[in-house]
C-alpha atoms as a PDB file:
ATOM      1  CA  SER A   1      -0.179   0.078   0.430  1.00  0.00           C
ATOM      2  CA  THR A   2       0.663   3.346  -0.280  1.00  0.00           C
ATOM      3  CA  THR A   3       0.931   5.416   2.683  1.00  0.00           C
ATOM      4  CA  SER A   4       2.544   8.559   3.463  1.00  0.00           C
ATOM      5  CA  LYS A   5       3.099   9.137   7.133  1.00  0.00           C
ATOM      6  CA  GLY A   6       3.105  12.347   8.489  1.00  0.00           C
ATOM      7  CA  SER A   7       0.011  15.523   7.386  1.00  0.00           C
ATOM      8  CA  GLY A   8       1.256  16.651   4.366  1.00  0.00           C
ATOM      9  CA  THR A   9      -0.771  19.219   2.992  1.00  0.00           C
ATOM     10  CA  SER A  10      -0.557  19.235  -0.537  1.00  0.00           C
ATOM     11  CA  ASN A  11      -3.968  19.375  -2.263  1.00  0.00           C
ATOM     12  CA  LYS A  12      -3.786  16.003  -4.207  1.00  0.00           C
ATOM     13  CA  VAL A  13      -6.702  13.922  -5.038  1.00  0.00           C
ATOM     14  CA  VAL A  14      -7.011  11.167  -3.265  1.00  0.00           C
ATOM     15  CA  LYS A  15      -8.365   8.344  -5.295  1.00  0.00           C
ATOM     16  CA  ILE A  16     -11.615   6.974  -2.978  1.00  0.00           C
ATOM     17  CA  PRO A  17     -12.211   3.087  -3.275  1.00  0.00           C
ATOM     18  CA  PHE A  18     -16.235   2.136  -3.330  1.00  0.00           C
ATOM     19  CA  VAL A  19     -15.739  -0.112  -0.760  1.00  0.00           C
ATOM     20  CA  ILE A  20     -13.500  -0.121   2.440  1.00  0.00           C
ATOM     21  CA  THR A  21     -11.402  -3.553   1.149  1.00  0.00           C
ATOM     22  CA  THR A  22      -9.934  -6.767   3.003  1.00  0.00           C
ATOM     23  CA  SER A  23      -6.011  -5.163   2.952  1.00  0.00           C
ATOM     24  CA  MET A  24      -7.647  -1.537   3.870  1.00  0.00           C
ATOM     25  CA  LYS A  25      -9.096  -3.284   7.369  1.00  0.00           C
ATOM     26  CA  GLN A  26      -6.088  -5.228   7.905  1.00  0.00           C
ATOM     27  CA  GLU A  27      -3.966  -1.620   7.685  1.00  0.00           C
ATOM     28  CA  LEU A  28      -6.939  -0.277  10.293  1.00  0.00           C
ATOM     29  CA  ALA A  29      -6.276  -2.933  12.712  1.00  0.00           C
ATOM     30  CA  GLU A  30      -2.599  -2.450  12.826  1.00  0.00           C
ATOM     31  CA  LEU A  31      -3.398   1.111  13.722  1.00  0.00           C
ATOM     32  CA  GLY A  32      -5.271  -0.287  16.561  1.00  0.00           C
ATOM     33  CA  TYR A  33      -9.132   0.299  14.858  1.00  0.00           C
ATOM     34  CA  SER A  34     -11.752  -2.455  16.052  1.00  0.00           C
ATOM     35  CA  SER A  35     -14.277  -4.475  13.818  1.00  0.00           C
ATOM     36  CA  PRO A  36     -16.605  -2.217  14.953  1.00  0.00           C
ATOM     37  CA  GLN A  37     -15.160   1.041  14.717  1.00  0.00           C
ATOM     38  CA  MET A  38     -14.524  -0.015  11.330  1.00  0.00           C
ATOM     39  CA  LYS A  39     -17.845  -0.489  10.406  1.00  0.00           C
ATOM     40  CA  GLN A  40     -18.774   3.056  11.576  1.00  0.00           C
ATOM     41  CA  LEU A  41     -16.103   4.405   8.461  1.00  0.00           C
ATOM     42  CA  THR A  42     -16.710   5.348   4.815  1.00  0.00           C
ATOM     43  CA  PRO A  43     -14.470   4.289   2.204  1.00  0.00           C
ATOM     44  CA  LEU A  44     -13.028   8.037   1.979  1.00  0.00           C
ATOM     45  CA  HIS A  45     -12.586   7.872   5.972  1.00  0.00           C
ATOM     46  CA  ALA A  46     -11.152   4.789   6.124  1.00  0.00           C
ATOM     47  CA  THR A  47      -8.626   5.699   3.043  1.00  0.00           C
ATOM     48  CA  LEU A  48      -7.894   9.331   4.686  1.00  0.00           C
ATOM     49  CA  LEU A  49      -7.197   7.348   7.914  1.00  0.00           C
ATOM     50  CA  LEU A  50      -4.883   5.244   6.482  1.00  0.00           C
ATOM     51  CA  GLN A  51      -3.310   7.715   4.123  1.00  0.00           C
ATOM     52  CA  HIS A  52      -1.983   9.528   7.283  1.00  0.00           C
ATOM     53  CA  GLN A  53      -1.894   6.853   9.705  1.00  0.00           C
ATOM     54  CA  ILE A  54      -4.218   8.594  12.428  1.00  0.00           C
ATOM     55  CA  SER A  55      -5.014   6.408  15.168  1.00  0.00           C
ATOM     56  CA  PRO A  56      -8.269   5.818  16.677  1.00  0.00           C
ATOM     57  CA  ALA A  57      -6.989   8.602  19.451  1.00  0.00           C
ATOM     58  CA  ASP A  58      -6.001  11.083  16.583  1.00  0.00           C
ATOM     59  CA  LYS A  59      -9.511  10.843  14.420  1.00  0.00           C
ATOM     60  CA  GLU A  60     -11.643  12.836  16.063  1.00  0.00           C
ATOM     61  CA  GLN A  61      -9.369  15.913  16.028  1.00  0.00           C
ATOM     62  CA  ARG A  62      -7.404  14.976  12.569  1.00  0.00           C
ATOM     63  CA  LEU A  63     -10.430  13.678  10.604  1.00  0.00           C
ATOM     64  CA  PRO A  64     -12.762  16.336   9.986  1.00  0.00           C
ATOM     65  CA  THR A  65      -9.278  18.485   9.100  1.00  0.00           C
ATOM     66  CA  LEU A  66      -8.148  15.942   6.079  1.00  0.00           C
ATOM     67  CA  ILE A  67     -12.420  15.353   4.710  1.00  0.00           C
ATOM     68  CA  GLN A  68     -12.085  19.529   4.449  1.00  0.00           C
ATOM     69  CA  GLN A  69      -8.678  19.155   2.123  1.00  0.00           C
ATOM     70  CA  HIS A  70      -9.973  16.553   0.224  1.00  0.00           C
ATOM     71  CA  GLU A  71     -13.565  18.449  -0.290  1.00  0.00           C
ATOM     72  CA  GLN A  72     -11.079  21.651  -1.449  1.00  0.00           C
ATOM     73  CA  ALA A  73      -8.620  19.566  -3.751  1.00  0.00           C
ATOM     74  CA  LEU A  74     -11.664  17.847  -5.440  1.00  0.00           C
ATOM     75  CA  GLU A  75     -13.002  21.708  -5.796  1.00  0.00           C
ATOM     76  CA  GLN A  76      -9.759  22.849  -7.268  1.00  0.00           C
ATOM     77  CA  GLU A  77      -9.520  19.474  -9.560  1.00  0.00           C
ATOM     78  CA  HIS A  78     -12.522  20.361 -11.244  1.00  0.00           C
ATOM     79  CA  GLN A  79     -11.642  24.072 -11.426  1.00  0.00           C
ATOM     80  CA  ARG A  80      -8.716  22.731 -13.446  1.00  0.00           C
ATOM     81  CA  ILE A  81     -10.847  20.949 -15.510  1.00  0.00           C
ATOM     82  CA  LEU A  82     -13.067  23.209 -16.518  1.00  0.00           C
ATOM     83  CA  GLU A  83     -10.534  25.872 -17.149  1.00  0.00           C
ATOM     84  CA  GLU A  84      -8.673  23.519 -19.459  1.00  0.00           C
ATOM     85  CA  GLU A  85     -11.620  22.528 -21.378  1.00  0.00           C
ATOM     86  CA  GLU A  86     -12.653  26.404 -21.810  1.00  0.00           C
ATOM     87  CA  GLN A  87      -8.618  26.566 -23.092  1.00  0.00           C
ATOM     88  CA  GLN A  88      -9.639  24.226 -25.742  1.00  0.00           C
ATOM     89  CA  GLN A  89     -12.908  25.429 -26.958  1.00  0.00           C
ATOM     90  CA  GLN A  90     -11.150  28.841 -27.305  1.00  0.00           C
ATOM     91  CA  GLN A  91      -8.468  26.927 -29.228  1.00  0.00           C
ATOM     92  CA  GLN A  92     -11.289  25.175 -31.633  1.00  0.00           C
ATOM     93  CA  GLN A  93     -12.572  28.256 -32.192  1.00  0.00           C
ATOM     94  CA  GLN A  94      -9.766  30.510 -33.379  1.00  0.00           C
ATOM     95  CA  GLN A  95      -9.002  27.219 -35.031  1.00  0.00           C
ATOM     96  CA  GLN A  96     -12.775  27.188 -37.182  1.00  0.00           C
ATOM     97  CA  ARG A  97     -11.965  30.879 -37.622  1.00  0.00           C
ATOM     98  CA  LYS A  98      -8.748  30.559 -39.496  1.00  0.00           C
ATOM     99  CA  GLU A  99     -10.456  27.661 -41.669  1.00  0.00           C
ATOM    100  CA  PHE A 100     -13.051  30.151 -42.945  1.00  0.00           C
END
């Protein structure tokens, strides 16, 4: 697995699985999560906890911030894609004008 220790605040969008996989459950157990605690997690929560190696003791304090950062990264990625599409449309329009 690719887990990075520390609280790097990079604005990279994390790929989130649809379900919490068996290997993720094993890694969560190694961090100290019980089976009932894992059942309360969403795949996003589990992914962020593993990526940042957050123990159950630190979860309540750190998870809300990580979720907010993830949502901001998604929004930035969305904006970047929209801007790219707009640039491509402008280039196509310019190209079409040259052809006429």
